[in-house]
């Protein structure tokens, strides 16, 4: 399946209670660039209306980290000098997004 850079996929997300699942979707609903999402099988496809701004990207980092969603797909949003904060080695998300590169 070929996905655009404005599509993210959460696969086999584990929820520990019904309220935990509710919290996941409420969090996702509060990220402004999320246009819609659709579940199919074990995948939740998240379509974005535009690339996330810095605050929205921080929310995706936190949400994906918390729920174990593959963070490598966020690397596409790390381009440009304005996103140097995102590419900074030593940040808790760096290896999960960009791999353990020296």
N, C-alpha and C. Protein backbone atom coordinates (compact mmCIF):
# COMPACT_ATOMS: atom_id res chain seq x y z
N UNK A 1 0.85 -1.18 0.00
CA UNK A 1 0.00 0.00 0.00
C UNK A 1 0.89 1.24 0.00
N UNK A 2 0.75 2.09 -0.99
CA UNK A 2 1.51 3.33 -1.09
C UNK A 2 0.72 4.43 -0.40
N UNK A 3 1.33 5.05 0.59
CA UNK A 3 0.66 6.11 1.34
C UNK A 3 1.37 7.43 1.08
N UNK A 4 0.60 8.50 1.08
CA UNK A 4 1.20 9.82 0.89
C UNK A 4 1.82 10.28 2.20
N UNK A 5 2.62 11.34 2.13
CA UNK A 5 3.23 11.89 3.33
C UNK A 5 2.19 12.53 4.25
N UNK A 6 0.96 12.65 3.76
CA UNK A 6 -0.10 13.21 4.59
C UNK A 6 -1.04 12.12 5.11
N UNK A 7 -0.54 10.90 5.12
CA UNK A 7 -1.29 9.78 5.66
C UNK A 7 -0.40 9.05 6.65
N UNK A 8 -0.91 8.81 7.83
CA UNK A 8 -0.20 8.06 8.86
C UNK A 8 -1.01 6.80 9.15
N UNK A 9 -0.34 5.75 9.62
CA UNK A 9 -1.03 4.51 9.93
C UNK A 9 -0.65 4.05 11.33
N UNK A 10 -1.65 3.79 12.13
CA UNK A 10 -1.46 3.20 13.46
C UNK A 10 -1.91 1.75 13.35
N UNK A 11 -0.99 0.84 13.57
CA UNK A 11 -1.27 -0.58 13.43
C UNK A 11 -1.27 -1.28 14.77
N UNK A 12 -2.30 -2.07 14.98
CA UNK A 12 -2.42 -2.89 16.18
C UNK A 12 -2.19 -2.10 17.47
N UNK A 13 -2.86 -0.97 17.58
CA UNK A 13 -2.76 -0.17 18.79
C UNK A 13 -3.38 -0.95 19.95
N UNK A 14 -2.70 -0.96 21.07
CA UNK A 14 -3.19 -1.66 22.26
C UNK A 14 -3.81 -0.64 23.21
N UNK A 15 -5.06 -0.89 23.55
CA UNK A 15 -5.77 -0.07 24.53
C UNK A 15 -5.94 -0.93 25.78
N UNK A 16 -5.70 -0.37 26.93
CA UNK A 16 -5.74 -1.13 28.17
C UNK A 16 -7.09 -1.07 28.87
N UNK A 17 -7.99 -0.25 28.36
CA UNK A 17 -9.35 -0.16 28.90
C UNK A 17 -10.19 0.61 27.90
N UNK A 18 -11.50 0.54 28.05
CA UNK A 18 -12.36 1.34 27.16
C UNK A 18 -12.06 2.84 27.24
N UNK A 19 -11.77 3.35 28.43
CA UNK A 19 -11.45 4.78 28.56
C UNK A 19 -10.10 5.12 27.92
N UNK A 20 -9.18 4.17 27.91
CA UNK A 20 -7.89 4.37 27.25
C UNK A 20 -8.11 4.53 25.75
N UNK A 21 -8.97 3.71 25.17
CA UNK A 21 -9.29 3.82 23.75
C UNK A 21 -9.97 5.16 23.47
N UNK A 22 -10.89 5.55 24.33
CA UNK A 22 -11.57 6.84 24.19
C UNK A 22 -10.55 7.98 24.23
N UNK A 23 -9.61 7.90 25.16
CA UNK A 23 -8.58 8.94 25.29
C UNK A 23 -7.75 9.06 24.02
N UNK A 24 -7.41 7.92 23.41
CA UNK A 24 -6.63 7.93 22.16
C UNK A 24 -7.36 8.73 21.09
N UNK A 25 -8.63 8.42 20.88
CA UNK A 25 -9.38 9.09 19.81
C UNK A 25 -9.69 10.54 20.16
N UNK A 26 -9.91 10.85 21.42
CA UNK A 26 -10.11 12.25 21.81
C UNK A 26 -8.84 13.06 21.54
N UNK A 27 -7.69 12.48 21.84
CA UNK A 27 -6.41 13.13 21.59
C UNK A 27 -6.25 13.37 20.09
N UNK A 28 -6.50 12.33 19.31
CA UNK A 28 -6.38 12.45 17.86
C UNK A 28 -7.33 13.53 17.33
N UNK A 29 -8.54 13.59 17.85
CA UNK A 29 -9.52 14.59 17.41
C UNK A 29 -9.07 16.02 17.71
N UNK A 30 -8.20 16.20 18.67
CA UNK A 30 -7.75 17.54 19.04
C UNK A 30 -6.55 18.04 18.24
N UNK A 31 -5.99 17.20 17.40
CA UNK A 31 -4.87 17.62 16.55
C UNK A 31 -5.48 18.20 15.27
N UNK A 32 -5.33 19.50 15.11
CA UNK A 32 -6.05 20.24 14.07
C UNK A 32 -5.82 19.76 12.64
N UNK A 33 -4.64 19.27 12.34
CA UNK A 33 -4.36 18.87 10.96
C UNK A 33 -4.93 17.50 10.61
N UNK A 34 -5.53 16.80 11.57
CA UNK A 34 -6.15 15.51 11.28
C UNK A 34 -7.49 15.77 10.58
N UNK A 35 -7.59 15.32 9.34
CA UNK A 35 -8.81 15.52 8.57
C UNK A 35 -9.83 14.43 8.87
N UNK A 36 -9.35 13.19 8.97
CA UNK A 36 -10.23 12.05 9.24
C UNK A 36 -9.37 10.84 9.55
N UNK A 37 -10.01 9.83 10.05
CA UNK A 37 -9.34 8.55 10.27
C UNK A 37 -10.34 7.44 10.03
N UNK A 38 -9.81 6.29 9.64
CA UNK A 38 -10.65 5.16 9.30
C UNK A 38 -9.93 3.87 9.67
N UNK A 39 -10.63 3.02 10.36
CA UNK A 39 -10.08 1.73 10.72
C UNK A 39 -10.45 0.67 9.71
N UNK A 40 -9.46 -0.17 9.42
CA UNK A 40 -9.70 -1.31 8.53
C UNK A 40 -8.80 -2.43 9.02
N UNK A 41 -9.41 -3.48 9.52
CA UNK A 41 -8.62 -4.56 10.10
C UNK A 41 -7.88 -4.05 11.32
N UNK A 42 -6.58 -4.30 11.35
CA UNK A 42 -5.77 -3.86 12.49
C UNK A 42 -5.13 -2.49 12.26
N UNK A 43 -5.43 -1.85 11.13
CA UNK A 43 -4.84 -0.55 10.79
C UNK A 43 -5.85 0.58 10.98
N UNK A 44 -5.36 1.68 11.52
CA UNK A 44 -6.11 2.93 11.57
C UNK A 44 -5.38 3.90 10.66
N UNK A 45 -5.99 4.27 9.56
CA UNK A 45 -5.39 5.22 8.63
C UNK A 45 -5.81 6.63 9.04
N UNK A 46 -4.81 7.48 9.23
CA UNK A 46 -5.03 8.86 9.69
C UNK A 46 -4.67 9.78 8.53
N UNK A 47 -5.66 10.47 7.99
CA UNK A 47 -5.44 11.39 6.88
C UNK A 47 -5.31 12.80 7.41
N UNK A 48 -4.28 13.49 6.94
CA UNK A 48 -4.02 14.87 7.37
C UNK A 48 -4.45 15.84 6.29
N UNK A 49 -4.96 16.98 6.71
CA UNK A 49 -5.36 18.03 5.76
C UNK A 49 -4.16 18.82 5.28
N UNK A 50 -3.07 18.76 6.06
CA UNK A 50 -1.83 19.48 5.74
C UNK A 50 -0.74 18.90 6.63
N UNK A 51 0.48 19.29 6.36
CA UNK A 51 1.58 18.86 7.22
C UNK A 51 1.39 19.47 8.61
N UNK A 52 1.73 18.75 9.65
CA UNK A 52 1.56 19.29 10.99
C UNK A 52 2.52 20.44 11.28
N UNK A 53 2.04 21.43 12.04
CA UNK A 53 2.94 22.47 12.51
C UNK A 53 3.73 21.90 13.70
N UNK A 54 4.60 22.69 14.30
CA UNK A 54 5.46 22.18 15.37
C UNK A 54 4.66 21.63 16.55
N UNK A 55 3.64 22.36 16.98
CA UNK A 55 2.83 21.89 18.11
C UNK A 55 2.11 20.59 17.78
N UNK A 56 1.58 20.49 16.58
CA UNK A 56 0.89 19.27 16.17
C UNK A 56 1.86 18.11 16.05
N UNK A 57 3.06 18.38 15.55
CA UNK A 57 4.06 17.32 15.46
C UNK A 57 4.44 16.83 16.85
N UNK A 58 4.56 17.73 17.80
CA UNK A 58 4.84 17.32 19.18
C UNK A 58 3.71 16.43 19.73
N UNK A 59 2.49 16.74 19.36
CA UNK A 59 1.36 15.90 19.79
C UNK A 59 1.43 14.51 19.16
N UNK A 60 1.78 14.45 17.87
CA UNK A 60 1.94 13.13 17.24
C UNK A 60 3.08 12.34 17.89
N UNK A 61 4.18 13.01 18.20
CA UNK A 61 5.29 12.34 18.88
C UNK A 61 4.79 11.74 20.19
N UNK A 62 4.10 12.54 20.99
CA UNK A 62 3.61 12.07 22.29
C UNK A 62 2.57 10.97 22.14
N UNK A 63 1.61 11.16 21.25
CA UNK A 63 0.56 10.17 21.05
C UNK A 63 1.13 8.84 20.55
N UNK A 64 1.99 8.92 19.55
CA UNK A 64 2.56 7.70 18.99
C UNK A 64 3.46 7.01 19.99
N UNK A 65 4.23 7.77 20.75
CA UNK A 65 5.09 7.18 21.78
C UNK A 65 4.23 6.48 22.84
N UNK A 66 3.22 7.15 23.31
CA UNK A 66 2.35 6.61 24.36
C UNK A 66 1.66 5.32 23.93
N UNK A 67 1.20 5.25 22.68
CA UNK A 67 0.43 4.11 22.22
C UNK A 67 1.22 3.14 21.34
N UNK A 68 2.51 3.32 21.24
CA UNK A 68 3.35 2.36 20.52
C UNK A 68 3.15 2.34 19.02
N UNK A 69 2.77 3.46 18.44
CA UNK A 69 2.59 3.57 16.99
C UNK A 69 3.96 3.79 16.36
N UNK A 70 4.19 3.16 15.21
CA UNK A 70 5.47 3.28 14.50
C UNK A 70 5.77 4.76 14.22
N UNK A 71 6.82 5.24 14.84
CA UNK A 71 7.17 6.67 14.74
C UNK A 71 8.02 6.99 13.52
N UNK A 72 8.54 5.98 12.83
CA UNK A 72 9.39 6.23 11.65
C UNK A 72 8.65 7.04 10.59
N UNK A 73 7.35 6.89 10.52
CA UNK A 73 6.58 7.61 9.52
C UNK A 73 6.55 9.12 9.76
N UNK A 74 6.92 9.55 10.95
CA UNK A 74 6.99 10.99 11.25
C UNK A 74 8.24 11.65 10.67
N UNK A 75 9.23 10.85 10.28
CA UNK A 75 10.49 11.39 9.76
C UNK A 75 10.27 12.31 8.56
N UNK A 76 9.25 12.06 7.80
CA UNK A 76 8.97 12.88 6.62
C UNK A 76 8.71 14.34 6.98
N UNK A 77 8.35 14.60 8.23
CA UNK A 77 8.06 15.97 8.66
C UNK A 77 9.29 16.66 9.25
N UNK A 78 10.46 16.05 9.13
CA UNK A 78 11.67 16.61 9.72
C UNK A 78 12.53 17.43 8.78
N UNK A 79 12.03 17.76 7.63
CA UNK A 79 12.81 18.51 6.65
C UNK A 79 12.89 19.99 7.00
N UNK A 80 13.97 20.62 6.60
CA UNK A 80 14.11 22.07 6.74
C UNK A 80 14.77 22.50 8.03
N UNK A 81 15.35 23.68 8.00
CA UNK A 81 16.08 24.19 9.16
C UNK A 81 15.17 24.47 10.34
N UNK A 82 13.90 24.77 10.08
CA UNK A 82 12.97 25.07 11.17
C UNK A 82 12.67 23.83 12.02
N UNK A 83 12.95 22.66 11.49
CA UNK A 83 12.65 21.42 12.22
C UNK A 83 13.92 20.80 12.82
N UNK A 84 14.95 21.61 13.02
CA UNK A 84 16.18 21.11 13.64
C UNK A 84 15.89 20.54 15.03
N UNK A 85 14.94 21.12 15.75
CA UNK A 85 14.57 20.63 17.08
C UNK A 85 14.09 19.19 17.00
N UNK A 86 13.41 18.84 15.92
CA UNK A 86 12.84 17.51 15.74
C UNK A 86 13.93 16.47 15.43
N UNK A 87 14.95 16.88 14.70
CA UNK A 87 16.03 15.97 14.30
C UNK A 87 17.15 15.87 15.34
N UNK A 88 17.05 16.61 16.42
CA UNK A 88 18.12 16.67 17.42
C UNK A 88 18.36 15.31 18.08
N UNK A 89 19.60 14.83 17.96
CA UNK A 89 19.96 13.57 18.60
C UNK A 89 19.86 13.71 20.11
N UNK A 90 19.54 12.64 20.77
CA UNK A 90 19.43 12.65 22.21
C UNK A 90 18.02 12.89 22.71
N UNK A 91 17.14 13.36 21.84
CA UNK A 91 15.74 13.52 22.24
C UNK A 91 15.10 12.13 22.32
N UNK A 92 14.15 11.95 23.22
CA UNK A 92 13.62 10.61 23.45
C UNK A 92 13.03 9.97 22.20
N UNK A 93 12.60 10.75 21.25
CA UNK A 93 11.97 10.20 20.05
C UNK A 93 12.95 9.96 18.91
N UNK A 94 14.15 10.51 18.99
CA UNK A 94 15.04 10.52 17.82
C UNK A 94 15.25 9.14 17.21
N UNK A 95 15.68 8.16 18.00
CA UNK A 95 15.95 6.84 17.44
C UNK A 95 14.69 6.17 16.90
N UNK A 96 13.57 6.39 17.56
CA UNK A 96 12.31 5.78 17.11
C UNK A 96 11.86 6.37 15.77
N UNK A 97 12.21 7.64 15.52
CA UNK A 97 11.81 8.31 14.27
C UNK A 97 12.85 8.12 13.18
N UNK A 98 14.12 8.38 13.50
CA UNK A 98 15.16 8.43 12.48
C UNK A 98 16.11 7.23 12.51
N UNK A 99 15.96 6.36 13.48
CA UNK A 99 16.87 5.23 13.62
C UNK A 99 18.09 5.62 14.45
N UNK A 100 18.83 4.64 14.84
CA UNK A 100 20.02 4.87 15.66
C UNK A 100 21.21 5.07 14.74
N UNK A 101 21.34 6.29 14.21
CA UNK A 101 22.42 6.61 13.27
C UNK A 101 23.47 7.45 14.01
N UNK A 102 24.71 7.22 13.66
CA UNK A 102 25.78 7.99 14.32
C UNK A 102 26.24 9.14 13.47
